[in-house]
Amino acid sequence: MPHLVILYTGQLDHEVDMTILCRQMADAMLTVKDEAGKQVFPTGGTRVLAYPAPHFAVADGGAAGQAAGGTGDYAFVYLNVRMGRGRSPATQQRAGQTLRDVAQAFFAPVMAQRHIGITLQIDEGPEVFDAKHSNLHPLFNKA
C-alpha cells in the first residue's frame, strides 16, 4: 500500500500518455508528508496502475455536449487511492489535494478540447486480510 488505480474511457489513449500520468502521480504521492514531516507513502509500496475501459457510457451520451458546441464525445477518469489506516484526516486531505492538483494539471489541455469528468477518491481500510510479500521495500529502507 498505497495503490492508486486509474480507470478511464479508452479514447483518452489517443490524446494523453497515461504512463506519464502514472509516473507523475507516483512522484506526487512520494512528496506527501504528515504533520511531523514524515513521508506518508512508503517508496517501495507506492504503485500506480491505469486501465482503459474499451466499453463505456458517460452521462447523456453526448447530447448536452453537442448542444454546447462540443463533439459530444465525453471522457471520464476515475482515480482511486487505497491506503492503510492510521493517517490523520489532515494528512488524507493533503494527499488528496496533492493528487487532485497533479490530475488537474495533467488533463488541463484535454479539458480545453473536450468534455471530461475526473473523480479522485481516497479509500482507507479496514482490511479483513492484508498480506504482503515484496523485495522492493529493502531497496528504500536503508538506514
N, C-alpha and C. Protein backbone atom coordinates (compact mmCIF):
# COMPACT_ATOMS: atom_id res chain seq x y z
N MET A 1 0.86 -1.16 0.00
CA MET A 1 0.00 0.00 0.00
C MET A 1 0.90 1.23 0.00
N PRO A 2 0.57 2.28 -0.55
CA PRO A 2 -0.71 2.65 -1.14
C PRO A 2 -0.75 2.29 -2.62
N HIS A 3 -1.95 2.10 -3.09
CA HIS A 3 -2.15 1.83 -4.50
C HIS A 3 -3.08 2.88 -5.07
N LEU A 4 -2.76 3.37 -6.23
CA LEU A 4 -3.63 4.28 -6.97
C LEU A 4 -3.99 3.58 -8.27
N VAL A 5 -5.29 3.34 -8.46
CA VAL A 5 -5.78 2.70 -9.66
C VAL A 5 -6.55 3.75 -10.45
N ILE A 6 -6.22 3.86 -11.71
CA ILE A 6 -6.86 4.82 -12.61
C ILE A 6 -7.66 4.04 -13.64
N LEU A 7 -8.96 4.29 -13.68
CA LEU A 7 -9.83 3.73 -14.71
C LEU A 7 -10.25 4.89 -15.60
N TYR A 8 -10.23 4.67 -16.91
CA TYR A 8 -10.55 5.78 -17.80
C TYR A 8 -11.17 5.28 -19.10
N THR A 9 -11.92 6.17 -19.74
CA THR A 9 -12.52 5.82 -21.02
C THR A 9 -11.40 5.70 -22.05
N GLY A 10 -11.45 4.62 -22.80
CA GLY A 10 -10.35 4.22 -23.66
C GLY A 10 -9.94 5.21 -24.73
N GLN A 11 -10.85 6.08 -25.16
CA GLN A 11 -10.48 7.00 -26.24
C GLN A 11 -9.40 7.98 -25.78
N LEU A 12 -9.19 8.11 -24.49
CA LEU A 12 -8.15 9.02 -23.99
C LEU A 12 -6.74 8.54 -24.36
N ASP A 13 -6.59 7.26 -24.66
CA ASP A 13 -5.27 6.75 -25.05
C ASP A 13 -4.74 7.45 -26.30
N HIS A 14 -5.63 8.00 -27.12
CA HIS A 14 -5.22 8.70 -28.33
C HIS A 14 -4.88 10.17 -28.06
N GLU A 15 -5.13 10.62 -26.82
CA GLU A 15 -4.97 12.04 -26.51
C GLU A 15 -3.94 12.34 -25.42
N VAL A 16 -3.68 11.38 -24.56
CA VAL A 16 -2.73 11.58 -23.46
C VAL A 16 -1.88 10.32 -23.30
N ASP A 17 -0.77 10.48 -22.63
CA ASP A 17 0.11 9.36 -22.32
C ASP A 17 -0.10 8.98 -20.86
N MET A 18 -0.85 7.93 -20.63
CA MET A 18 -1.19 7.53 -19.26
C MET A 18 0.03 7.05 -18.48
N THR A 19 1.07 6.60 -19.17
CA THR A 19 2.30 6.23 -18.47
C THR A 19 2.91 7.45 -17.80
N ILE A 20 2.85 8.58 -18.47
CA ILE A 20 3.36 9.82 -17.87
C ILE A 20 2.51 10.20 -16.66
N LEU A 21 1.18 10.09 -16.79
CA LEU A 21 0.32 10.38 -15.63
C LEU A 21 0.65 9.47 -14.46
N CYS A 22 0.83 8.18 -14.72
CA CYS A 22 1.17 7.24 -13.64
C CYS A 22 2.45 7.68 -12.92
N ARG A 23 3.47 8.05 -13.68
CA ARG A 23 4.74 8.47 -13.07
C ARG A 23 4.55 9.76 -12.27
N GLN A 24 3.80 10.71 -12.83
CA GLN A 24 3.56 11.98 -12.12
C GLN A 24 2.80 11.74 -10.82
N MET A 25 1.82 10.85 -10.86
CA MET A 25 1.04 10.58 -9.65
C MET A 25 1.89 9.87 -8.60
N ALA A 26 2.70 8.90 -9.03
CA ALA A 26 3.58 8.21 -8.08
C ALA A 26 4.57 9.18 -7.47
N ASP A 27 5.16 10.04 -8.30
CA ASP A 27 6.10 11.03 -7.78
C ASP A 27 5.42 11.96 -6.79
N ALA A 28 4.20 12.37 -7.09
CA ALA A 28 3.46 13.25 -6.19
C ALA A 28 3.15 12.55 -4.87
N MET A 29 2.78 11.29 -4.94
CA MET A 29 2.50 10.54 -3.71
C MET A 29 3.71 10.51 -2.79
N LEU A 30 4.90 10.41 -3.39
CA LEU A 30 6.12 10.33 -2.59
C LEU A 30 6.49 11.67 -1.95
N THR A 31 5.85 12.75 -2.36
CA THR A 31 6.14 14.06 -1.75
C THR A 31 5.25 14.37 -0.55
N VAL A 32 4.19 13.60 -0.36
CA VAL A 32 3.23 13.90 0.71
C VAL A 32 3.86 13.59 2.07
N LYS A 33 3.77 14.56 2.95
CA LYS A 33 4.33 14.44 4.31
C LYS A 33 3.19 14.55 5.33
N ASP A 34 3.39 13.92 6.49
CA ASP A 34 2.41 14.06 7.56
C ASP A 34 2.75 15.30 8.39
N GLU A 35 2.05 15.48 9.50
CA GLU A 35 2.24 16.67 10.33
C GLU A 35 3.64 16.75 10.93
N ALA A 36 4.30 15.60 11.08
CA ALA A 36 5.65 15.58 11.64
C ALA A 36 6.72 15.69 10.55
N GLY A 37 6.29 15.84 9.29
CA GLY A 37 7.24 15.96 8.20
C GLY A 37 7.74 14.64 7.66
N LYS A 38 7.10 13.54 8.08
CA LYS A 38 7.50 12.21 7.65
C LYS A 38 6.77 11.85 6.35
N GLN A 39 7.49 11.19 5.44
CA GLN A 39 6.89 10.73 4.18
C GLN A 39 5.72 9.81 4.50
N VAL A 40 4.56 10.09 3.92
CA VAL A 40 3.35 9.35 4.21
C VAL A 40 3.32 7.99 3.52
N PHE A 41 3.66 7.96 2.25
CA PHE A 41 3.57 6.74 1.47
C PHE A 41 4.96 6.15 1.28
N PRO A 42 5.16 4.89 1.68
CA PRO A 42 6.49 4.29 1.53
C PRO A 42 6.87 4.15 0.05
N THR A 43 8.08 4.50 -0.25
CA THR A 43 8.55 4.47 -1.64
C THR A 43 8.35 3.09 -2.26
N GLY A 44 8.76 2.06 -1.56
CA GLY A 44 8.67 0.71 -2.10
C GLY A 44 7.26 0.17 -2.22
N GLY A 45 6.31 0.81 -1.56
CA GLY A 45 4.93 0.33 -1.59
C GLY A 45 4.02 1.14 -2.49
N THR A 46 4.54 2.19 -3.10
CA THR A 46 3.72 3.07 -3.92
C THR A 46 3.59 2.49 -5.32
N ARG A 47 2.33 2.29 -5.71
CA ARG A 47 2.05 1.73 -7.04
C ARG A 47 0.93 2.52 -7.69
N VAL A 48 1.07 2.79 -8.98
CA VAL A 48 0.03 3.46 -9.75
C VAL A 48 -0.21 2.64 -11.01
N LEU A 49 -1.44 2.27 -11.22
CA LEU A 49 -1.83 1.43 -12.35
C LEU A 49 -2.98 2.10 -13.09
N ALA A 50 -2.96 2.06 -14.42
CA ALA A 50 -4.03 2.68 -15.22
C ALA A 50 -4.61 1.65 -16.18
N TYR A 51 -5.95 1.64 -16.25
CA TYR A 51 -6.67 0.70 -17.09
C TYR A 51 -7.69 1.43 -17.95
N PRO A 52 -7.61 1.26 -19.28
CA PRO A 52 -8.62 1.86 -20.14
C PRO A 52 -9.87 0.99 -20.20
N ALA A 53 -11.01 1.63 -20.28
CA ALA A 53 -12.27 0.91 -20.49
C ALA A 53 -12.61 0.98 -21.97
N PRO A 54 -12.60 -0.14 -22.67
CA PRO A 54 -12.93 -0.11 -24.09
C PRO A 54 -14.42 0.09 -24.34
N HIS A 55 -15.23 -0.20 -23.35
CA HIS A 55 -16.68 -0.06 -23.46
C HIS A 55 -17.15 0.83 -22.32
N PHE A 56 -17.95 1.85 -22.64
CA PHE A 56 -18.39 2.78 -21.60
C PHE A 56 -19.60 3.56 -22.06
N ALA A 57 -20.29 4.13 -21.10
CA ALA A 57 -21.38 5.07 -21.36
C ALA A 57 -21.20 6.19 -20.34
N VAL A 58 -21.16 7.43 -20.81
CA VAL A 58 -20.94 8.57 -19.92
C VAL A 58 -22.09 9.55 -20.10
N ALA A 59 -22.69 9.92 -18.98
CA ALA A 59 -23.74 10.94 -18.92
C ALA A 59 -24.86 10.66 -19.92
N ASP A 60 -25.21 11.66 -20.72
CA ASP A 60 -26.36 11.53 -21.62
C ASP A 60 -25.96 11.03 -23.01
N GLY A 61 -24.75 10.59 -23.16
CA GLY A 61 -24.30 10.08 -24.45
C GLY A 61 -23.79 11.15 -25.39
N GLY A 62 -23.82 12.41 -25.00
CA GLY A 62 -23.23 13.46 -25.80
C GLY A 62 -24.15 14.58 -26.22
N ALA A 63 -25.45 14.43 -25.97
CA ALA A 63 -26.41 15.45 -26.44
C ALA A 63 -26.11 16.83 -25.87
N ALA A 64 -25.89 16.93 -24.58
CA ALA A 64 -25.63 18.24 -23.97
C ALA A 64 -24.30 18.81 -24.46
N GLY A 65 -23.32 17.95 -24.66
CA GLY A 65 -22.03 18.40 -25.17
C GLY A 65 -22.14 18.95 -26.58
N GLN A 66 -22.93 18.30 -27.40
CA GLN A 66 -23.14 18.79 -28.76
C GLN A 66 -23.92 20.10 -28.74
N ALA A 67 -24.93 20.20 -27.88
CA ALA A 67 -25.71 21.42 -27.78
C ALA A 67 -24.85 22.59 -27.31
N ALA A 68 -23.79 22.28 -26.55
CA ALA A 68 -22.89 23.32 -26.05
C ALA A 68 -21.78 23.63 -27.06
N GLY A 69 -21.85 23.03 -28.23
CA GLY A 69 -20.85 23.31 -29.26
C GLY A 69 -19.69 22.35 -29.30
N GLY A 70 -19.74 21.31 -28.48
CA GLY A 70 -18.66 20.32 -28.47
C GLY A 70 -18.99 19.13 -29.34
N THR A 71 -18.15 18.12 -29.26
CA THR A 71 -18.35 16.92 -30.09
C THR A 71 -19.37 15.97 -29.49
N GLY A 72 -19.56 16.06 -28.18
CA GLY A 72 -20.43 15.10 -27.51
C GLY A 72 -19.71 13.81 -27.17
N ASP A 73 -18.43 13.76 -27.46
CA ASP A 73 -17.61 12.59 -27.15
C ASP A 73 -17.02 12.78 -25.76
N TYR A 74 -17.78 12.39 -24.76
CA TYR A 74 -17.35 12.58 -23.37
C TYR A 74 -16.26 11.59 -22.98
N ALA A 75 -15.43 12.00 -22.06
CA ALA A 75 -14.42 11.12 -21.47
C ALA A 75 -14.55 11.17 -19.96
N PHE A 76 -14.02 10.16 -19.30
CA PHE A 76 -14.10 10.10 -17.85
C PHE A 76 -12.84 9.43 -17.31
N VAL A 77 -12.38 9.93 -16.15
CA VAL A 77 -11.22 9.35 -15.46
C VAL A 77 -11.59 9.20 -13.99
N TYR A 78 -11.40 8.00 -13.48
CA TYR A 78 -11.65 7.72 -12.07
C TYR A 78 -10.34 7.29 -11.44
N LEU A 79 -9.90 8.05 -10.44
CA LEU A 79 -8.65 7.76 -9.74
C LEU A 79 -9.02 7.35 -8.32
N ASN A 80 -8.61 6.15 -7.93
CA ASN A 80 -8.93 5.65 -6.60
C ASN A 80 -7.65 5.27 -5.87
N VAL A 81 -7.41 5.94 -4.76
CA VAL A 81 -6.26 5.65 -3.91
C VAL A 81 -6.74 4.78 -2.76
N ARG A 82 -6.06 3.71 -2.54
CA ARG A 82 -6.36 2.82 -1.42
C ARG A 82 -5.15 2.88 -0.49
N MET A 83 -5.39 3.30 0.76
CA MET A 83 -4.28 3.37 1.72
C MET A 83 -4.67 2.67 3.01
N GLY A 84 -3.67 2.23 3.72
CA GLY A 84 -3.91 1.60 5.01
C GLY A 84 -4.36 2.63 6.04
N ARG A 85 -4.94 2.13 7.11
CA ARG A 85 -5.43 3.02 8.17
C ARG A 85 -4.29 3.65 8.95
N GLY A 86 -4.63 4.71 9.67
CA GLY A 86 -3.67 5.30 10.60
C GLY A 86 -3.21 6.70 10.27
N ARG A 87 -3.60 7.22 9.13
CA ARG A 87 -3.19 8.58 8.78
C ARG A 87 -4.27 9.56 9.22
N SER A 88 -3.85 10.72 9.65
CA SER A 88 -4.79 11.72 10.16
C SER A 88 -5.67 12.26 9.04
N PRO A 89 -6.83 12.80 9.38
CA PRO A 89 -7.67 13.44 8.37
C PRO A 89 -6.93 14.56 7.62
N ALA A 90 -6.10 15.31 8.31
CA ALA A 90 -5.34 16.38 7.64
C ALA A 90 -4.37 15.79 6.62
N THR A 91 -3.73 14.70 6.95
CA THR A 91 -2.81 14.05 6.03
C THR A 91 -3.56 13.47 4.84
N GLN A 92 -4.71 12.88 5.09
CA GLN A 92 -5.53 12.36 3.99
C GLN A 92 -5.94 13.48 3.05
N GLN A 93 -6.34 14.62 3.60
CA GLN A 93 -6.71 15.77 2.77
C GLN A 93 -5.52 16.29 1.96
N ARG A 94 -4.37 16.34 2.60
CA ARG A 94 -3.15 16.80 1.92
C ARG A 94 -2.83 15.88 0.75
N ALA A 95 -2.94 14.58 0.97
CA ALA A 95 -2.68 13.61 -0.11
C ALA A 95 -3.68 13.82 -1.24
N GLY A 96 -4.95 13.95 -0.90
CA GLY A 96 -5.97 14.14 -1.92
C GLY A 96 -5.77 15.41 -2.72
N GLN A 97 -5.46 16.49 -2.04
CA GLN A 97 -5.25 17.77 -2.73
C GLN A 97 -4.01 17.72 -3.63
N THR A 98 -2.97 17.06 -3.16
CA THR A 98 -1.75 16.93 -3.97
C THR A 98 -2.05 16.17 -5.26
N LEU A 99 -2.75 15.05 -5.13
CA LEU A 99 -3.06 14.24 -6.31
C LEU A 99 -4.07 14.92 -7.22
N ARG A 100 -5.05 15.61 -6.63
CA ARG A 100 -6.01 16.36 -7.44
C ARG A 100 -5.30 17.41 -8.29
N ASP A 101 -4.36 18.12 -7.68
CA ASP A 101 -3.62 19.16 -8.41
C ASP A 101 -2.85 18.58 -9.59
N VAL A 102 -2.22 17.43 -9.40
CA VAL A 102 -1.47 16.80 -10.48
C VAL A 102 -2.42 16.37 -11.59
N ALA A 103 -3.54 15.76 -11.23
CA ALA A 103 -4.51 15.31 -12.24
C ALA A 103 -5.08 16.49 -13.01
N GLN A 104 -5.43 17.56 -12.31
CA GLN A 104 -5.99 18.74 -12.99
C GLN A 104 -4.98 19.34 -13.97
N ALA A 105 -3.75 19.44 -13.56
CA ALA A 105 -2.72 19.99 -14.45
C ALA A 105 -2.49 19.08 -15.66
N PHE A 106 -2.46 17.78 -15.42
CA PHE A 106 -2.22 16.82 -16.50
C PHE A 106 -3.34 16.87 -17.55
N PHE A 107 -4.57 16.93 -17.08
CA PHE A 107 -5.71 16.87 -18.01
C PHE A 107 -6.16 18.24 -18.51
N ALA A 108 -5.56 19.33 -18.06
CA ALA A 108 -5.98 20.67 -18.49
C ALA A 108 -5.99 20.82 -20.01
N PRO A 109 -4.95 20.39 -20.73
CA PRO A 109 -5.00 20.53 -22.19
C PRO A 109 -6.16 19.75 -22.83
N VAL A 110 -6.45 18.56 -22.30
CA VAL A 110 -7.55 17.75 -22.83
C VAL A 110 -8.89 18.42 -22.53
N MET A 111 -9.02 18.96 -21.32
CA MET A 111 -10.28 19.61 -20.94
C MET A 111 -10.54 20.87 -21.77
N ALA A 112 -9.51 21.45 -22.30
CA ALA A 112 -9.68 22.62 -23.16
C ALA A 112 -10.24 22.22 -24.53
N GLN A 113 -10.16 20.93 -24.87
CA GLN A 113 -10.59 20.44 -26.18
C GLN A 113 -11.87 19.61 -26.15
N ARG A 114 -12.20 19.05 -24.99
CA ARG A 114 -13.33 18.12 -24.91
C ARG A 114 -13.96 18.16 -23.52
N HIS A 115 -15.13 17.54 -23.40
CA HIS A 115 -15.78 17.42 -22.10
C HIS A 115 -15.26 16.15 -21.42
N ILE A 116 -14.80 16.33 -20.20
CA ILE A 116 -14.23 15.21 -19.45
C ILE A 116 -14.57 15.36 -17.98
N GLY A 117 -14.90 14.26 -17.35
CA GLY A 117 -15.14 14.23 -15.91
C GLY A 117 -13.99 13.53 -15.24
N ILE A 118 -13.55 14.07 -14.12
CA ILE A 118 -12.45 13.47 -13.35
C ILE A 118 -12.91 13.33 -11.91
N THR A 119 -12.78 12.14 -11.37
CA THR A 119 -13.11 11.88 -9.97
C THR A 119 -11.89 11.27 -9.29
N LEU A 120 -11.54 11.80 -8.13
CA LEU A 120 -10.46 11.25 -7.31
C LEU A 120 -11.04 10.91 -5.95
N GLN A 121 -10.87 9.67 -5.54
CA GLN A 121 -11.33 9.25 -4.22
C GLN A 121 -10.20 8.54 -3.49
N ILE A 122 -10.19 8.72 -2.17
CA ILE A 122 -9.24 8.00 -1.33
C ILE A 122 -10.05 7.11 -0.41
N ASP A 123 -9.72 5.83 -0.40
CA ASP A 123 -10.35 4.86 0.49
C ASP A 123 -9.32 4.39 1.50
N GLU A 124 -9.82 4.07 2.68
CA GLU A 124 -8.96 3.62 3.77
C GLU A 124 -9.55 2.34 4.35
N GLY A 125 -8.70 1.39 4.81
CA GLY A 125 -9.13 0.15 5.45
C GLY A 125 -10.55 0.19 5.97
N PRO A 126 -11.08 -0.67 6.72
CA PRO A 126 -10.35 -1.74 7.40
C PRO A 126 -10.17 -2.97 6.52
N GLU A 127 -9.01 -3.50 6.56
CA GLU A 127 -8.73 -4.70 5.80
C GLU A 127 -9.15 -5.90 6.63
N VAL A 128 -9.69 -6.92 5.99
CA VAL A 128 -10.02 -8.15 6.71
C VAL A 128 -8.89 -9.16 6.55
N PHE A 129 -8.05 -8.95 5.56
CA PHE A 129 -6.85 -9.75 5.37
C PHE A 129 -5.88 -8.87 4.62
N ASP A 130 -4.63 -8.82 5.06
CA ASP A 130 -3.65 -7.94 4.44
C ASP A 130 -2.29 -8.62 4.49
N ALA A 131 -1.94 -9.32 3.43
CA ALA A 131 -0.65 -9.99 3.36
C ALA A 131 0.21 -9.30 2.32
N LYS A 132 1.48 -9.17 2.64
CA LYS A 132 2.42 -8.54 1.71
C LYS A 132 3.65 -9.42 1.58
N HIS A 133 4.16 -9.50 0.38
CA HIS A 133 5.40 -10.24 0.12
C HIS A 133 6.14 -9.43 -0.94
N SER A 134 7.27 -8.84 -0.58
CA SER A 134 7.96 -7.95 -1.50
C SER A 134 9.44 -7.89 -1.18
N ASN A 135 10.23 -7.78 -2.22
CA ASN A 135 11.65 -7.49 -2.01
C ASN A 135 11.98 -6.08 -2.50
N LEU A 136 10.93 -5.26 -2.69
CA LEU A 136 11.13 -3.86 -3.07
C LEU A 136 11.48 -2.97 -1.88
N HIS A 137 10.80 -3.15 -0.77
CA HIS A 137 11.00 -2.27 0.38
C HIS A 137 12.45 -2.16 0.84
N PRO A 138 13.20 -3.27 0.88
CA PRO A 138 14.60 -3.15 1.32
C PRO A 138 15.43 -2.19 0.47
N LEU A 139 15.04 -1.98 -0.77
CA LEU A 139 15.78 -1.04 -1.62
C LEU A 139 15.72 0.37 -1.07
N PHE A 140 14.65 0.68 -0.35
CA PHE A 140 14.42 2.07 0.10
C PHE A 140 14.51 2.23 1.61
N ASN A 141 14.66 1.15 2.35
CA ASN A 141 14.68 1.22 3.82
C ASN A 141 16.08 1.13 4.39
N LYS A 142 17.05 1.61 3.66
CA LYS A 142 18.43 1.56 4.14
C LYS A 142 18.64 2.68 5.15
N ALA A 143 19.19 2.32 6.27
CA ALA A 143 19.43 3.30 7.34
C ALA A 143 20.77 3.95 7.24
